[in-house]
Amino acid sequence: MDVAVPSPWSEYYNLPVTKDYVDYIYLMAYDEHYAGSKEPGSVSSYTFVEKAIKDILALNVPSSKIMLGVPFYLRDYTVI
């Protein structure tokens, strides 16, 4: 199952429950700053990914079920 980084707006994944029904959880650790962001920034900084991993582990998701999704792209921001 693909999931966004743990945050208030992604609670609907209900990871404490769904972790028991899936083989793997693909943590999409990207879009820290996205095309519609008000400020330019990293797509997936080290600290963003580290926090995402710590947060998903804090939900008692076994590390053996976590697959980390990282970006192979960047954003071209226009700064006015």
N, C-alpha and C. Protein backbone atom coordinates (compact mmCIF):
# COMPACT_ATOMS: atom_id res chain seq x y z
N MET A 1 0.84 -1.15 0.00
CA MET A 1 0.00 0.00 0.00
C MET A 1 0.90 1.23 0.00
N ASP A 2 0.60 2.20 -0.87
CA ASP A 2 1.32 3.47 -0.90
C ASP A 2 0.70 4.41 0.12
N VAL A 3 1.55 5.08 0.90
CA VAL A 3 1.05 6.05 1.88
C VAL A 3 1.89 7.31 1.84
N ALA A 4 1.25 8.43 2.14
CA ALA A 4 1.97 9.69 2.29
C ALA A 4 2.65 9.70 3.65
N VAL A 5 3.54 10.65 3.86
CA VAL A 5 4.21 10.74 5.16
C VAL A 5 3.16 10.97 6.24
N PRO A 6 3.36 10.40 7.42
CA PRO A 6 2.38 10.60 8.50
C PRO A 6 2.22 12.08 8.85
N SER A 7 1.00 12.54 8.82
CA SER A 7 0.66 13.93 9.13
C SER A 7 -0.84 13.98 9.40
N PRO A 8 -1.33 15.09 9.92
CA PRO A 8 -2.77 15.18 10.20
C PRO A 8 -3.63 14.95 8.96
N TRP A 9 -3.16 15.40 7.79
CA TRP A 9 -3.98 15.25 6.59
C TRP A 9 -3.87 13.86 5.95
N SER A 10 -3.03 12.99 6.51
CA SER A 10 -2.93 11.63 5.95
C SER A 10 -3.37 10.56 6.95
N GLU A 11 -4.05 10.96 8.01
CA GLU A 11 -4.49 10.01 9.03
C GLU A 11 -5.50 8.99 8.50
N TYR A 12 -6.16 9.30 7.40
CA TYR A 12 -7.17 8.38 6.86
C TYR A 12 -6.57 7.05 6.41
N TYR A 13 -5.24 6.98 6.30
CA TYR A 13 -4.62 5.68 5.99
C TYR A 13 -4.75 4.73 7.16
N ASN A 14 -4.90 5.26 8.37
CA ASN A 14 -5.09 4.47 9.59
C ASN A 14 -4.04 3.36 9.69
N LEU A 15 -2.79 3.75 9.65
CA LEU A 15 -1.69 2.78 9.64
C LEU A 15 -1.65 1.84 10.83
N PRO A 16 -2.02 2.27 12.04
CA PRO A 16 -2.01 1.30 13.14
C PRO A 16 -2.91 0.09 12.89
N VAL A 17 -3.92 0.24 12.06
CA VAL A 17 -4.82 -0.88 11.74
C VAL A 17 -4.42 -1.54 10.43
N THR A 18 -4.23 -0.75 9.38
CA THR A 18 -3.98 -1.34 8.05
C THR A 18 -2.65 -2.08 7.97
N LYS A 19 -1.69 -1.75 8.84
CA LYS A 19 -0.39 -2.45 8.80
C LYS A 19 -0.54 -3.96 8.97
N ASP A 20 -1.63 -4.37 9.62
CA ASP A 20 -1.86 -5.80 9.85
C ASP A 20 -2.45 -6.52 8.63
N TYR A 21 -2.85 -5.77 7.61
CA TYR A 21 -3.54 -6.36 6.46
C TYR A 21 -2.77 -6.22 5.15
N VAL A 22 -1.59 -5.66 5.20
CA VAL A 22 -0.81 -5.48 3.98
C VAL A 22 0.55 -6.15 4.13
N ASP A 23 1.13 -6.51 2.99
CA ASP A 23 2.47 -7.11 3.02
C ASP A 23 3.54 -6.04 3.19
N TYR A 24 3.38 -4.92 2.47
CA TYR A 24 4.35 -3.83 2.51
C TYR A 24 3.63 -2.49 2.52
N ILE A 25 4.29 -1.53 3.11
CA ILE A 25 3.81 -0.15 3.08
C ILE A 25 4.89 0.67 2.39
N TYR A 26 4.54 1.28 1.27
CA TYR A 26 5.46 2.10 0.51
C TYR A 26 5.32 3.54 0.99
N LEU A 27 6.29 4.01 1.74
CA LEU A 27 6.27 5.35 2.30
C LEU A 27 6.76 6.34 1.24
N MET A 28 5.86 7.14 0.73
CA MET A 28 6.19 8.11 -0.32
C MET A 28 6.80 9.35 0.34
N ALA A 29 8.10 9.31 0.57
CA ALA A 29 8.79 10.36 1.30
C ALA A 29 9.27 11.46 0.35
N TYR A 30 8.32 12.10 -0.28
CA TYR A 30 8.64 13.21 -1.19
C TYR A 30 7.48 14.19 -1.24
N ASP A 31 7.65 15.22 -2.01
CA ASP A 31 6.71 16.36 -2.12
C ASP A 31 6.70 17.19 -0.84
N GLU A 32 7.86 17.31 -0.23
CA GLU A 32 8.01 18.21 0.91
C GLU A 32 7.64 19.63 0.46
N HIS A 33 8.19 20.04 -0.64
CA HIS A 33 7.77 21.26 -1.34
C HIS A 33 7.28 20.80 -2.70
N TYR A 34 6.15 21.24 -3.12
CA TYR A 34 5.54 20.76 -4.37
C TYR A 34 5.31 21.93 -5.31
N ALA A 35 4.85 21.66 -6.50
CA ALA A 35 4.71 22.69 -7.52
C ALA A 35 3.84 23.86 -7.04
N GLY A 36 2.87 23.60 -6.19
CA GLY A 36 2.00 24.66 -5.71
C GLY A 36 2.46 25.30 -4.40
N SER A 37 3.65 24.94 -3.93
CA SER A 37 4.15 25.50 -2.67
C SER A 37 4.31 27.01 -2.78
N LYS A 38 4.11 27.68 -1.68
CA LYS A 38 4.27 29.13 -1.65
C LYS A 38 5.74 29.54 -1.63
N GLU A 39 6.61 28.61 -1.28
CA GLU A 39 8.04 28.88 -1.28
C GLU A 39 8.78 27.71 -1.92
N PRO A 40 9.88 27.98 -2.63
CA PRO A 40 10.65 26.89 -3.23
C PRO A 40 11.43 26.13 -2.14
N GLY A 41 11.72 24.90 -2.41
CA GLY A 41 12.50 24.11 -1.45
C GLY A 41 12.73 22.71 -1.96
N SER A 42 13.34 21.93 -1.13
CA SER A 42 13.68 20.54 -1.47
C SER A 42 12.41 19.71 -1.69
N VAL A 43 12.51 18.78 -2.60
CA VAL A 43 11.41 17.85 -2.82
C VAL A 43 11.38 16.82 -1.70
N SER A 44 12.57 16.50 -1.18
CA SER A 44 12.66 15.46 -0.15
C SER A 44 13.98 15.62 0.59
N SER A 45 14.03 16.54 1.54
CA SER A 45 15.28 16.76 2.27
C SER A 45 15.55 15.59 3.22
N TYR A 46 16.80 15.49 3.64
CA TYR A 46 17.19 14.42 4.56
C TYR A 46 16.35 14.46 5.84
N THR A 47 16.18 15.64 6.41
CA THR A 47 15.43 15.75 7.66
C THR A 47 13.95 15.40 7.47
N PHE A 48 13.39 15.71 6.31
CA PHE A 48 12.00 15.37 5.99
C PHE A 48 11.83 13.86 5.94
N VAL A 49 12.75 13.18 5.26
CA VAL A 49 12.70 11.72 5.14
C VAL A 49 12.93 11.05 6.50
N GLU A 50 13.91 11.56 7.24
CA GLU A 50 14.20 11.00 8.56
C GLU A 50 12.98 11.10 9.48
N LYS A 51 12.32 12.26 9.48
CA LYS A 51 11.12 12.45 10.30
C LYS A 51 10.00 11.52 9.85
N ALA A 52 9.82 11.36 8.54
CA ALA A 52 8.78 10.48 8.02
C ALA A 52 8.99 9.04 8.49
N ILE A 53 10.24 8.59 8.46
CA ILE A 53 10.55 7.23 8.91
C ILE A 53 10.28 7.08 10.41
N LYS A 54 10.75 8.04 11.19
CA LYS A 54 10.52 7.99 12.63
C LYS A 54 9.03 8.01 12.96
N ASP A 55 8.28 8.84 12.24
CA ASP A 55 6.84 8.95 12.49
C ASP A 55 6.09 7.67 12.15
N ILE A 56 6.47 7.01 11.06
CA ILE A 56 5.76 5.77 10.68
C ILE A 56 6.13 4.64 11.64
N LEU A 57 7.37 4.63 12.11
CA LEU A 57 7.77 3.63 13.10
C LEU A 57 7.05 3.87 14.43
N ALA A 58 6.80 5.13 14.76
CA ALA A 58 6.08 5.46 16.00
C ALA A 58 4.63 4.97 15.96
N LEU A 59 4.12 4.69 14.76
CA LEU A 59 2.76 4.14 14.61
C LEU A 59 2.77 2.60 14.71
N ASN A 60 3.90 2.06 15.14
CA ASN A 60 4.08 0.60 15.30
C ASN A 60 4.01 -0.18 14.00
N VAL A 61 4.40 0.47 12.90
CA VAL A 61 4.53 -0.24 11.64
C VAL A 61 5.89 -0.93 11.67
N PRO A 62 5.94 -2.25 11.49
CA PRO A 62 7.22 -2.96 11.53
C PRO A 62 8.17 -2.48 10.43
N SER A 63 9.42 -2.29 10.77
CA SER A 63 10.39 -1.82 9.77
C SER A 63 10.51 -2.80 8.61
N SER A 64 10.23 -4.07 8.85
CA SER A 64 10.30 -5.07 7.77
C SER A 64 9.22 -4.89 6.72
N LYS A 65 8.20 -4.09 7.02
CA LYS A 65 7.12 -3.85 6.05
C LYS A 65 7.27 -2.53 5.31
N ILE A 66 8.25 -1.71 5.70
CA ILE A 66 8.37 -0.38 5.12
C ILE A 66 9.31 -0.39 3.92
N MET A 67 8.80 0.12 2.81
CA MET A 67 9.60 0.34 1.60
C MET A 67 9.64 1.85 1.42
N LEU A 68 10.84 2.41 1.26
CA LEU A 68 10.98 3.86 1.18
C LEU A 68 10.97 4.34 -0.26
N GLY A 69 10.03 5.23 -0.54
CA GLY A 69 9.95 5.84 -1.87
C GLY A 69 10.63 7.20 -1.83
N VAL A 70 11.65 7.38 -2.67
CA VAL A 70 12.36 8.65 -2.75
C VAL A 70 12.26 9.20 -4.18
N PRO A 71 12.33 10.50 -4.33
CA PRO A 71 12.15 11.09 -5.66
C PRO A 71 13.42 11.03 -6.51
N PHE A 72 13.22 10.94 -7.78
CA PHE A 72 14.30 11.07 -8.75
C PHE A 72 13.95 12.22 -9.69
N TYR A 73 13.53 13.31 -9.09
CA TYR A 73 13.16 14.50 -9.85
C TYR A 73 13.35 15.72 -8.97
N LEU A 74 13.23 16.88 -9.56
CA LEU A 74 13.28 18.12 -8.82
C LEU A 74 12.25 19.08 -9.41
N ARG A 75 12.05 20.17 -8.74
CA ARG A 75 11.11 21.18 -9.20
C ARG A 75 11.87 22.38 -9.73
N ASP A 76 11.33 22.99 -10.76
CA ASP A 76 11.87 24.24 -11.30
C ASP A 76 10.92 25.34 -10.85
N TYR A 77 11.30 26.06 -9.79
CA TYR A 77 10.44 27.09 -9.23
C TYR A 77 10.70 28.44 -9.91
N THR A 78 9.65 29.18 -10.09
CA THR A 78 9.76 30.55 -10.58
C THR A 78 9.58 31.47 -9.39
N VAL A 79 10.62 32.22 -9.09
CA VAL A 79 10.57 33.14 -7.95
C VAL A 79 10.34 34.55 -8.48
N ILE A 80 9.31 35.17 -7.97
CA ILE A 80 8.94 36.53 -8.46
C ILE A 80 9.51 37.56 -7.52
